[in-house]
PDB file of N, CA and C in Angstrom:
ATOM      1  N   MET A   1    -112.062 -39.259 -55.642  1.00  0.00           N
ATOM      2  CA  MET A   1    -112.766 -40.121 -55.182  1.00  0.00           C
ATOM      3  C   MET A   1    -111.252 -40.579 -54.289  1.00  0.00           C
ATOM      4  N   GLY A   2    -111.906 -39.701 -52.983  1.00  0.00           N
ATOM      5  CA  GLY A   2    -111.083 -40.127 -52.034  1.00  0.00           C
ATOM      6  C   GLY A   2    -110.837 -41.021 -50.630  1.00  0.00           C
ATOM      7  N   ALA A   3    -110.393 -42.280 -50.782  1.00  0.00           N
ATOM      8  CA  ALA A   3    -110.976 -42.605 -49.779  1.00  0.00           C
ATOM      9  C   ALA A   3    -109.893 -42.593 -48.131  1.00  0.00           C
ATOM     10  N   CYS A   4    -110.627 -42.880 -46.935  1.00  0.00           N
ATOM     11  CA  CYS A   4    -109.530 -42.520 -46.186  1.00  0.00           C
ATOM     12  C   CYS A   4    -109.418 -43.697 -45.367  1.00  0.00           C
ATOM     13  N   PHE A   5    -108.260 -44.718 -45.725  1.00  0.00           N
ATOM     14  CA  PHE A   5    -108.353 -46.198 -44.757  1.00  0.00           C
ATOM     15  C   PHE A   5    -107.326 -46.124 -43.813  1.00  0.00           C
ATOM     16  N   SER A   6    -107.382 -45.687 -43.055  1.00  0.00           N
ATOM     17  CA  SER A   6    -107.463 -45.511 -41.766  1.00  0.00           C
ATOM     18  C   SER A   6    -107.115 -46.577 -40.692  1.00  0.00           C
ATOM     19  N   CYS A   7    -108.152 -47.910 -41.270  1.00  0.00           N
ATOM     20  CA  CYS A   7    -107.699 -49.486 -41.314  1.00  0.00           C
ATOM     21  C   CYS A   7    -106.906 -50.091 -41.504  1.00  0.00           C
ATOM     22  N   CYS A   8    -106.138 -49.194 -42.569  1.00  0.00           N
ATOM     23  CA  CYS A   8    -105.147 -50.204 -43.463  1.00  0.00           C
ATOM     24  C   CYS A   8    -103.912 -49.668 -42.543  1.00  0.00           C
ATOM     25  N   GLY A   9    -103.609 -48.326 -42.069  1.00  0.00           N
ATOM     26  CA  GLY A   9    -102.638 -47.611 -42.174  1.00  0.00           C
ATOM     27  C   GLY A   9    -102.010 -47.674 -40.124  1.00  0.00           C
ATOM     28  N   GLN A  10    -101.343 -46.764 -39.820  1.00  0.00           N
ATOM     29  CA  GLN A  10    -100.290 -46.842 -39.423  1.00  0.00           C
ATOM     30  C   GLN A  10    -101.778 -46.192 -38.054  1.00  0.00           C
ATOM     31  N   SER A  11    -101.642 -46.154 -36.486  1.00  0.00           N
ATOM     32  CA  SER A  11    -101.925 -45.260 -35.651  1.00  0.00           C
ATOM     33  C   SER A  11    -101.117 -44.079 -35.618  1.00  0.00           C
ATOM     34  N   ALA A  12    -102.249 -42.843 -35.039  1.00  0.00           N
ATOM     35  CA  ALA A  12    -102.273 -41.666 -34.829  1.00  0.00           C
ATOM     36  C   ALA A  12    -100.625 -41.871 -34.229  1.00  0.00           C
ATOM     37  N   GLU A  13    -100.584 -42.359 -33.100  1.00  0.00           N
ATOM     38  CA  GLU A  13     -99.208 -42.638 -32.621  1.00  0.00           C
ATOM     39  C   GLU A  13     -97.869 -43.067 -33.005  1.00  0.00           C
ATOM     40  N   GLU A  14     -98.255 -44.225 -34.142  1.00  0.00           N
ATOM     41  CA  GLU A  14     -96.960 -44.428 -33.838  1.00  0.00           C
ATOM     42  C   GLU A  14     -96.286 -43.401 -35.916  1.00  0.00           C
ATOM     43  N   THR A  15     -97.240 -42.138 -35.992  1.00  0.00           N
ATOM     44  CA  THR A  15     -97.072 -41.470 -37.127  1.00  0.00           C
ATOM     45  C   THR A  15     -96.526 -40.174 -36.462  1.00  0.00           C
ATOM     46  N   ASN A  16     -96.627 -40.398 -34.916  1.00  0.00           N
ATOM     47  CA  ASN A  16     -95.608 -38.796 -34.299  1.00  0.00           C
ATOM     48  C   ASN A  16     -94.645 -39.244 -34.259  1.00  0.00           C
ATOM     49  N   LEU A  17     -93.797 -37.849 -35.231  1.00  0.00           N
ATOM     50  CA  LEU A  17     -92.509 -38.412 -35.273  1.00  0.00           C
ATOM     51  C   LEU A  17     -91.983 -37.491 -34.427  1.00  0.00           C
ATOM     52  N   MET A  18     -92.474 -36.868 -33.444  1.00  0.00           N
ATOM     53  CA  MET A  18     -91.950 -35.810 -32.187  1.00  0.00           C
ATOM     54  C   MET A  18     -91.420 -36.409 -31.402  1.00  0.00           C
ATOM     55  N   PRO A  19     -90.717 -36.014 -30.507  1.00  0.00           N
ATOM     56  CA  PRO A  19     -89.825 -37.471 -29.314  1.00  0.00           C
ATOM     57  C   PRO A  19     -90.465 -36.200 -28.131  1.00  0.00           C
ATOM     58  N   SER A  20     -90.737 -37.030 -27.072  1.00  0.00           N
ATOM     59  CA  SER A  20     -91.426 -36.882 -25.959  1.00  0.00           C
ATOM     60  C   SER A  20     -90.043 -35.371 -25.434  1.00  0.00           C
ATOM     61  N   PRO A  21     -91.191 -34.409 -24.438  1.00  0.00           N
ATOM     62  CA  PRO A  21     -90.462 -33.362 -23.490  1.00  0.00           C
ATOM     63  C   PRO A  21     -88.854 -33.948 -23.556  1.00  0.00           C
ATOM     64  N   GLU A  22     -89.216 -35.136 -22.909  1.00  0.00           N
ATOM     65  CA  GLU A  22     -87.653 -35.741 -21.708  1.00  0.00           C
ATOM     66  C   GLU A  22     -86.663 -36.065 -22.390  1.00  0.00           C
ATOM     67  N   GLU A  23     -87.189 -37.000 -23.707  1.00  0.00           N
ATOM     68  CA  GLU A  23     -86.357 -37.413 -24.918  1.00  0.00           C
ATOM     69  C   GLU A  23     -85.427 -36.347 -25.570  1.00  0.00           C
ATOM     70  N   ARG A  24     -85.805 -35.371 -25.986  1.00  0.00           N
ATOM     71  CA  ARG A  24     -85.994 -33.840 -26.344  1.00  0.00           C
ATOM     72  C   ARG A  24     -85.216 -33.093 -25.465  1.00  0.00           C
ATOM     73  N   ARG A  25     -85.093 -33.423 -24.650  1.00  0.00           N
ATOM     74  CA  ARG A  25     -83.756 -32.395 -23.465  1.00  0.00           C
ATOM     75  C   ARG A  25     -82.709 -32.997 -23.294  1.00  0.00           C
ATOM     76  N   GLN A  26     -82.968 -34.837 -23.440  1.00  0.00           N
ATOM     77  CA  GLN A  26     -81.465 -35.684 -22.878  1.00  0.00           C
ATOM     78  C   GLN A  26     -80.755 -35.165 -24.552  1.00  0.00           C
ATOM     79  N   GLN A  27     -81.266 -34.991 -25.518  1.00  0.00           N
ATOM     80  CA  GLN A  27     -80.761 -35.228 -27.202  1.00  0.00           C
ATOM     81  C   GLN A  27     -80.244 -33.609 -27.138  1.00  0.00           C
ATOM     82  N   GLN A  28     -81.225 -32.798 -26.923  1.00  0.00           N
ATOM     83  CA  GLN A  28     -80.379 -30.995 -26.217  1.00  0.00           C
ATOM     84  C   GLN A  28     -79.002 -31.328 -25.863  1.00  0.00           C
ATOM     85  N   LEU A  29     -79.288 -31.995 -24.525  1.00  0.00           N
ATOM     86  CA  LEU A  29     -78.017 -31.849 -23.557  1.00  0.00           C
ATOM     87  C   LEU A  29     -76.740 -32.766 -24.083  1.00  0.00           C
ATOM     88  N   ASP A  30     -77.263 -33.971 -24.990  1.00  0.00           N
ATOM     89  CA  ASP A  30     -76.071 -34.698 -25.165  1.00  0.00           C
ATOM     90  C   ASP A  30     -75.289 -33.827 -26.628  1.00  0.00           C
ATOM     91  N   ALA A  31     -75.882 -33.163 -27.521  1.00  0.00           N
ATOM     92  CA  ALA A  31     -75.918 -32.222 -28.824  1.00  0.00           C
ATOM     93  C   ALA A  31     -74.634 -31.079 -27.814  1.00  0.00           C
ATOM     94  N   ALA A  32     -75.399 -30.249 -26.869  1.00  0.00           N
ATOM     95  CA  ALA A  32     -74.393 -29.313 -26.750  1.00  0.00           C
ATOM     96  C   ALA A  32     -73.303 -29.844 -26.269  1.00  0.00           C
ATOM     97  N   GLU A  33     -73.177 -31.298 -25.502  1.00  0.00           N
ATOM     98  CA  GLU A  33     -71.978 -31.991 -24.188  1.00  0.00           C
ATOM     99  C   GLU A  33     -70.968 -32.510 -26.023  1.00  0.00           C
ATOM    100  N   LYS A  34     -71.187 -32.232 -27.151  1.00  0.00           N
ATOM    101  CA  LYS A  34     -71.007 -32.947 -28.335  1.00  0.00           C
ATOM    102  C   LYS A  34     -70.397 -31.424 -28.768  1.00  0.00           C
ATOM    103  N   ARG A  35     -71.017 -30.582 -28.835  1.00  0.00           N
ATOM    104  CA  ARG A  35     -70.083 -29.476 -29.743  1.00  0.00           C
ATOM    105  C   ARG A  35     -69.572 -28.798 -28.275  1.00  0.00           C
ATOM    106  N   ARG A  36     -69.433 -28.781 -27.011  1.00  0.00           N
ATOM    107  CA  ARG A  36     -68.355 -28.344 -25.798  1.00  0.00           C
ATOM    108  C   ARG A  36     -67.018 -29.284 -26.292  1.00  0.00           C
ATOM    109  N   GLN A  37     -66.993 -30.320 -26.173  1.00  0.00           N
ATOM    110  CA  GLN A  37     -65.740 -31.310 -26.861  1.00  0.00           C
ATOM    111  C   GLN A  37     -65.435 -30.818 -28.128  1.00  0.00           C
ATOM    112  N   GLU A  38     -66.275 -30.751 -28.990  1.00  0.00           N
ATOM    113  CA  GLU A  38     -65.671 -30.196 -30.239  1.00  0.00           C
ATOM    114  C   GLU A  38     -64.829 -29.313 -30.600  1.00  0.00           C
ATOM    115  N   ASN A  39     -65.463 -28.279 -29.711  1.00  0.00           N
ATOM    116  CA  ASN A  39     -64.497 -27.127 -29.176  1.00  0.00           C
ATOM    117  C   ASN A  39     -63.626 -27.002 -28.937  1.00  0.00           C
ATOM    118  N   GLU A  40     -63.214 -27.528 -27.874  1.00  0.00           N
ATOM    119  CA  GLU A  40     -62.634 -28.053 -26.721  1.00  0.00           C
ATOM    120  C   GLU A  40     -60.742 -28.716 -28.008  1.00  0.00           C
ATOM    121  N   GLN A  41     -61.289 -29.656 -28.676  1.00  0.00           N
ATOM    122  CA  GLN A  41     -60.453 -30.607 -29.175  1.00  0.00           C
ATOM    123  C   GLN A  41     -60.599 -29.190 -30.096  1.00  0.00           C
ATOM    124  N   ARG A  42     -61.387 -28.460 -31.135  1.00  0.00           N
ATOM    125  CA  ARG A  42     -60.731 -27.670 -32.031  1.00  0.00           C
ATOM    126  C   ARG A  42     -59.430 -26.361 -31.688  1.00  0.00           C
ATOM    127  N   GLY A  43     -59.222 -25.892 -30.855  1.00  0.00           N
ATOM    128  CA  GLY A  43     -58.118 -25.312 -30.065  1.00  0.00           C
ATOM    129  C   GLY A  43     -56.904 -25.815 -30.439  1.00  0.00           C
ATOM    130  N   ILE A  44     -55.852 -26.393 -29.299  1.00  0.00           N
ATOM    131  CA  ILE A  44     -54.573 -26.680 -29.557  1.00  0.00           C
ATOM    132  C   ILE A  44     -54.889 -27.895 -29.916  1.00  0.00           C
ATOM    133  N   LYS A  45     -54.124 -28.633 -30.994  1.00  0.00           N
ATOM    134  CA  LYS A  45     -54.141 -30.172 -31.695  1.00  0.00           C
ATOM    135  C   LYS A  45     -52.459 -31.051 -30.436  1.00  0.00           C
ATOM    136  N   ASN A  46     -52.047 -29.987 -30.044  1.00  0.00           N
ATOM    137  CA  ASN A  46     -50.773 -30.410 -29.758  1.00  0.00           C
ATOM    138  C   ASN A  46     -50.228 -29.453 -28.608  1.00  0.00           C
ATOM    139  N   PRO A  47     -50.736 -29.884 -27.868  1.00  0.00           N
ATOM    140  CA  PRO A  47     -50.629 -29.628 -26.670  1.00  0.00           C
ATOM    141  C   PRO A  47     -49.024 -29.578 -26.009  1.00  0.00           C
ATOM    142  N   GLU A  48     -48.279 -30.784 -25.666  1.00  0.00           N
ATOM    143  CA  GLU A  48     -47.155 -30.793 -25.619  1.00  0.00           C
ATOM    144  C   GLU A  48     -46.364 -30.316 -26.470  1.00  0.00           C
ATOM    145  N   SER A  49     -46.535 -29.817 -28.043  1.00  0.00           N
ATOM    146  CA  SER A  49     -45.435 -28.879 -28.690  1.00  0.00           C
ATOM    147  C   SER A  49     -46.106 -27.839 -28.435  1.00  0.00           C
ATOM    148  N   VAL A  50     -46.897 -27.082 -27.722  1.00  0.00           N
ATOM    149  CA  VAL A  50     -47.633 -25.575 -26.946  1.00  0.00           C
ATOM    150  C   VAL A  50     -46.606 -25.471 -26.160  1.00  0.00           C
ATOM    151  N   ARG A  51     -46.240 -26.488 -25.298  1.00  0.00           N
ATOM    152  CA  ARG A  51     -45.166 -26.672 -23.933  1.00  0.00           C
ATOM    153  C   ARG A  51     -44.131 -26.090 -23.753  1.00  0.00           C
ATOM    154  N   ARG A  52     -44.047 -26.762 -24.971  1.00  0.00           N
ATOM    155  CA  ARG A  52     -42.234 -26.758 -25.568  1.00  0.00           C
ATOM    156  C   ARG A  52     -41.823 -25.350 -25.869  1.00  0.00           C
ATOM    157  N   GLN A  53     -43.036 -25.456 -26.983  1.00  0.00           N
ATOM    158  CA  GLN A  53     -42.443 -23.516 -27.658  1.00  0.00           C
ATOM    159  C   GLN A  53     -42.944 -22.548 -26.569  1.00  0.00           C
ATOM    160  N   GLN A  54     -43.228 -22.508 -25.238  1.00  0.00           N
ATOM    161  CA  GLN A  54     -43.541 -21.894 -24.044  1.00  0.00           C
ATOM    162  C   GLN A  54     -42.448 -21.347 -23.383  1.00  0.00           C
ATOM    163  N   GLN A  55     -41.397 -23.454 -22.867  1.00  0.00           N
ATOM    164  CA  GLN A  55     -40.224 -23.461 -22.282  1.00  0.00           C
ATOM    165  C   GLN A  55     -38.949 -23.079 -22.883  1.00  0.00           C
ATOM    166  N   ARG A  56     -38.951 -22.553 -24.520  1.00  0.00           N
ATOM    167  CA  ARG A  56     -37.906 -21.918 -25.540  1.00  0.00           C
ATOM    168  C   ARG A  56     -38.062 -20.932 -25.135  1.00  0.00           C
ATOM    169  N   ALA A  57     -39.921 -20.633 -25.347  1.00  0.00           N
ATOM    170  CA  ALA A  57     -40.379 -18.460 -24.910  1.00  0.00           C
ATOM    171  C   ALA A  57     -38.893 -18.159 -23.380  1.00  0.00           C
ATOM    172  N   GLU A  58     -40.070 -19.181 -22.287  1.00  0.00           N
ATOM    173  CA  GLU A  58     -38.870 -18.449 -21.570  1.00  0.00           C
ATOM    174  C   GLU A  58     -37.461 -18.488 -21.233  1.00  0.00           C
ATOM    175  N   GLU A  59     -36.941 -19.432 -22.157  1.00  0.00           N
ATOM    176  CA  GLU A  59     -35.541 -19.761 -21.596  1.00  0.00           C
ATOM    177  C   GLU A  59     -34.848 -18.643 -22.511  1.00  0.00           C
ATOM    178  N   MET A  60     -35.330 -17.811 -23.436  1.00  0.00           N
ATOM    179  CA  MET A  60     -34.689 -17.250 -24.566  1.00  0.00           C
ATOM    180  C   MET A  60     -34.827 -15.924 -23.848  1.00  0.00           C
ATOM    181  N   GLN A  61     -35.572 -15.738 -23.288  1.00  0.00           N
ATOM    182  CA  GLN A  61     -36.152 -14.416 -22.731  1.00  0.00           C
ATOM    183  C   GLN A  61     -34.785 -14.113 -21.254  1.00  0.00           C
ATOM    184  N   ARG A  62     -35.436 -15.226 -20.319  1.00  0.00           N
ATOM    185  CA  ARG A  62     -34.133 -15.812 -19.465  1.00  0.00           C
ATOM    186  C   ARG A  62     -32.882 -15.171 -19.031  1.00  0.00           C
ATOM    187  N   ARG A  63     -32.424 -15.790 -20.916  1.00  0.00           N
ATOM    188  CA  ARG A  63     -31.309 -15.352 -21.466  1.00  0.00           C
ATOM    189  C   ARG A  63     -30.668 -14.108 -21.898  1.00  0.00           C
ATOM    190  N   GLU A  64     -31.786 -13.971 -22.492  1.00  0.00           N
ATOM    191  CA  GLU A  64     -32.232 -11.908 -23.078  1.00  0.00           C
ATOM    192  C   GLU A  64     -31.823 -10.731 -21.507  1.00  0.00           C
ATOM    193  N   GLU A  65     -32.063 -11.226 -20.787  1.00  0.00           N
ATOM    194  CA  GLU A  65     -32.223 -10.588 -19.217  1.00  0.00           C
ATOM    195  C   GLU A  65     -31.249 -10.881 -18.910  1.00  0.00           C
ATOM    196  N   GLU A  66     -30.244 -11.930 -18.818  1.00  0.00           N
ATOM    197  CA  GLU A  66     -28.902 -12.872 -18.197  1.00  0.00           C
ATOM    198  C   GLU A  66     -28.002 -11.295 -19.432  1.00  0.00           C
ATOM    199  N   ALA A  67     -28.261 -11.408 -20.396  1.00  0.00           N
ATOM    200  CA  ALA A  67     -27.088 -10.975 -21.123  1.00  0.00           C
ATOM    201  C   ALA A  67     -27.299  -9.585 -20.409  1.00  0.00           C
ATOM    202  N   ALA A  68     -28.596  -8.591 -21.026  1.00  0.00           N
ATOM    203  CA  ALA A  68     -28.454  -7.375 -20.953  1.00  0.00           C
ATOM    204  C   ALA A  68     -27.864  -6.736 -19.255  1.00  0.00           C
ATOM    205  N   ARG A  69     -27.790  -7.508 -18.231  1.00  0.00           N
ATOM    206  CA  ARG A  69     -27.875  -7.104 -16.611  1.00  0.00           C
ATOM    207  C   ARG A  69     -26.114  -7.496 -17.021  1.00  0.00           C
ATOM    208  N   GLN A  70     -25.053  -8.285 -17.909  1.00  0.00           N
ATOM    209  CA  GLN A  70     -24.027  -8.802 -17.827  1.00  0.00           C
ATOM    210  C   GLN A  70     -23.337  -7.393 -18.393  1.00  0.00           C
ATOM    211  N   GLY A  71     -24.249  -7.281 -20.021  1.00  0.00           N
ATOM    212  CA  GLY A  71     -23.902  -6.632 -21.011  1.00  0.00           C
ATOM    213  C   GLY A  71     -24.018  -5.231 -20.966  1.00  0.00           C
ATOM    214  N   GLN A  72     -24.510  -4.113 -19.980  1.00  0.00           N
ATOM    215  CA  GLN A  72     -25.178  -3.185 -19.929  1.00  0.00           C
ATOM    216  C   GLN A  72     -23.768  -2.023 -20.951  1.00  0.00           C
ATOM    217  N   GLY A  73     -24.384  -1.656 -21.327  1.00  0.00           N
ATOM    218  CA  GLY A  73     -23.094  -1.020 -21.941  1.00  0.00           C
ATOM    219  C   GLY A  73     -22.510  -1.158 -23.016  1.00  0.00           C
ATOM    220  N   GLN A  74     -22.786  -2.619 -23.294  1.00  0.00           N
ATOM    221  CA  GLN A  74     -21.625  -3.036 -24.362  1.00  0.00           C
ATOM    222  C   GLN A  74     -22.277  -2.752 -25.562  1.00  0.00           C
ATOM    223  N   ALA A  75     -21.945  -3.255 -26.688  1.00  0.00           N
ATOM    224  CA  ALA A  75     -22.364  -2.758 -28.708  1.00  0.00           C
ATOM    225  C   ALA A  75     -23.424  -3.862 -28.154  1.00  0.00           C
ATOM    226  N   ASN A  76     -24.484  -3.413 -29.573  1.00  0.00           N
ATOM    227  CA  ASN A  76     -25.466  -4.314 -29.372  1.00  0.00           C
ATOM    228  C   ASN A  76     -25.480  -5.518 -29.755  1.00  0.00           C
ATOM    229  N   LEU A  77     -26.292  -6.186 -28.993  1.00  0.00           N
ATOM    230  CA  LEU A  77     -26.555  -7.222 -28.916  1.00  0.00           C
ATOM    231  C   LEU A  77     -27.806  -7.761 -29.965  1.00  0.00           C
ATOM    232  N   ARG A  78     -27.130  -8.780 -30.881  1.00  0.00           N
ATOM    233  CA  ARG A  78     -28.692  -9.199 -31.543  1.00  0.00           C
ATOM    234  C   ARG A  78     -28.998 -10.701 -30.915  1.00  0.00           C
ATOM    235  N   VAL A  79     -30.415 -11.182 -31.352  1.00  0.00           N
ATOM    236  CA  VAL A  79     -30.708 -12.020 -30.752  1.00  0.00           C
ATOM    237  C   VAL A  79     -31.549 -12.835 -32.244  1.00  0.00           C
ATOM    238  N   ILE A  80     -30.994 -13.621 -32.183  1.00  0.00           N
ATOM    239  CA  ILE A  80     -31.303 -14.748 -33.290  1.00  0.00           C
ATOM    240  C   ILE A  80     -32.458 -15.738 -33.313  1.00  0.00           C
ATOM    241  N   HIS A  81     -33.353 -15.633 -33.287  1.00  0.00           N
ATOM    242  CA  HIS A  81     -35.336 -16.817 -32.825  1.00  0.00           C
ATOM    243  C   HIS A  81     -35.119 -17.969 -34.578  1.00  0.00           C
ATOM    244  N   LEU A  82     -34.830 -19.059 -33.513  1.00  0.00           N
ATOM    245  CA  LEU A  82     -35.131 -19.915 -34.916  1.00  0.00           C
ATOM    246  C   LEU A  82     -35.594 -20.650 -34.496  1.00  0.00           C
TER     247      LEU A  82
END
């Protein structure tokens, strides 16, 4: 006893769950932008800390080069990294 009650239900247009091509394209663009932003944030959590570490490393390298120029022939110099 199958009965079709098309008069009681929603129309075919209302049951169509697929977005229009323009809406779908916009959703894809939004999703791609969101992924791009998440990937950027995933990299460096604290850029200021990275900058400080790079400055410290550069300063240590300058000191080592200066010590090497001044003490070319002296005993081995030990560098302690903290």
